[in-house]
Amino acid sequence: MFKKRILGTLVVMTLLMLNLRVVAQNEGKLWEAWAQKEVTDLGDDHTGTTFSLSEDVRTPDGRASIRMTPSGKAEENKLAFPVTGADLAVWGDHAHLVLEVYLPSNIEQAPNTFFMGMGDVTGAWQWVDGGFGKPVGELNTGWNRIKFPITGPMKAISATGRYVIYMSFFYVDGQGAKKQLSQAFHIGNTYLIGESGASAGGGTEVDGFAAEVEALLKLDDEALLEAIARQTFDYFWEEANPTNGLIKDRSTPDSASSIAAVGFGLSAIPIAVDRGWITHQEGYDRVLLTLKTFENAVQGHEGFYFHFVDMKTGERVWDSEVSTIDTSLFIMGALTAGEYFKNTEVETLASALYERINWVDFAPDGTLVSMGWKPETGYLGSRWSHFDEGLLLYLLAMGSPTHPIPPEAWDQIERPVNVDGEYIFLPGETLFVYQYPLAWIDLRDREDRYANYFNNTQRACERNRQFAQRESDQVKTYQNGVWGISASDGPRGYKAYGATGPNSDGTAAPYASIACLPFTPEASLESIRGMLATYGPKVWAEYGFVSAFNAVVEWYSHEHIGIDQGDILLMIANYQDGFVWKLIAQNQYLQAGLKKAGFEEKRSDYAVTPAFLKEKLK
């Protein structure tokens, strides 16, 4: 296992970054409507919670706090605060509301889950929106700050309307069950934090991120990668619904869950346990909760799941398809966690979810698998017939112990070779398609009759970098060693960018070059340091690197995307010590899939096998 790097400069850096993060997020603009409230203004929303003014426990700025005493009979303890549209007008300029929560030292079971929502009571009651809050730093006794998202619908209010803000406080155990609270706790001030994190003290979250970048650049490569990995992991822990384990597609307040992001998250948790970022029990409980959600609540068809689902219910959203590739990414995460938590309910459930996938049903012609299914129209016409991330899907499908497809499917995949005969490629040259299968499967010393796919990915990473270098005189983004062109956000929305002239516009995705670490470590580290040194807090934020940026038009994403975070984290771990590769190497089903695909020990260090190259060049 990876040696815990918690000494020397890394400890100093970690403490510094945590301190900077807390300082940046703790401050904000006092919400006057809350500051001027009376205790009698607060309702319990039928939970039996009572409220009283407390002079004994004062807020950090010296005000009397409000004591909340649960009834001991309700699963959730709620606060209902009536406001006007005028009271909420200031929310339009802010991204989060921060609530102070005090937990007494003698409390036996304290709230650990927090939710804020809004109802419109101008006429008949209507739900507006809401979101889970998360602690700024660790949740401890004494004063804590809980940061709630202010979503788009919560900003789009009528100036003359009437509303109710609901805050819910409850305890969720390791199995996802809500437990009744009976002991009092306290709440204090609320603060509004702007889109840029503007704070009352004149500093900003951006200032904090700039200081983090400065600290990062002082680290050696080993400590730098560990720090990036640690911050990247927080996405999967903090942007998950703690009651069901579903993980957001992206870091926006109203994001749906992506089942692929959940798969990366399930792989991330064993990394976090091994590195000491969370406890073994915390990791096990979260994984088990997530798998049970997929067993019982997430909608799908024949063992596959809808691409995007509601964060609370697991139901289909956005008219999305039942996705075979995204289900495959989820299952890879489940199997990874199953191998880590061996001989437990997690392993049993992960295998059961895999075994119920009916690959045969999704291969209408008997071999090639459909990209998806919709209840309105049936199977999608497109098949996984071309070299891309679908390689991972076929290894799972052939290795299935219950519904395997024949090995002939592997040979029906079209594998074009680039004009120089260097490697099998995807014409659009979007980099993630080369990376995803190897995020889990160690192919360093294996080849099939077509390629050594590790070397093949290495060639793709090298070409991506070379393209950026050639363009750097005209394209500002790619200067100072920066590269990484792949599917990502961009100035005009999400696009499958790639290292070709027609498929690039100066946008770079940090995950793309970072996830090439196992293949091109020196070039990847050069890009990491180049991004941090050149763009600083424009590309570094709450969960590490942002999704994308384009210096040509001065566009910088403010968001993080789950699958990008996963690609970064898994590839750093594999570069460090092969962590995920070693776990999946223990899985009998994946090994069966590799055997059926014809993998054997590598013979040399080529990318394309000589026999296949000769065949393609005829």
Foldseek 3Di string as FASTA:
>chain_A
DFDFDCDDLLVVLVVLLLVLQCVLQVFFAFLVVVVPDDLVQKDFVPQPKHWDWAQPDADPVGHTWIKIFGPLPDLKTKIKGKDALQSLQVVLFFWKKKKKKAAAPPFDFFFDWKKKFKWWVQDPIDGQDIFIWHWSPDDDHGITITITTCAPSNNPDDRGTMMMMMMITFHADLQLDRHGGGGMIIIDTMGTAGPQSQGPVRDHLLNSLLVSLVSLLPDDPVSNLVVLLLLLLVQQVVQADQNQSFGFQKPHRQGFGFLLLSLLNLLSLLVCCVNVVDDPSNSVSSLNSNLVCLVPFADAPQLFGFGTAHRPGNYDPDQTFRFLLSSLSNLLSQLLNCLSVDPDVSVVSSLVSLQSRAQQVQCVVQAWGFRGAGPVPGTDPDTQQEQFLCVSSLLSQQLHPHHHGALVNLVRRDFAADPVRAATADVQLALVRLQVSVLFADQCFKDAQWFSSLLRSLVSLVLQQVLLVVCVVPFVLSPQLATAWAFFADPVGTDGAHSDDVRDDQKHFLLRLLLCCQRCVVSSVSNVSSCCVPPRSLQQHSSGGAGMAGVVVGGGDPMHGSNSSSSNNSSSVCNSPNSSNVSVVPDSSSVSSCVSNGMDGDDDSGTTDPVNSVVNVD
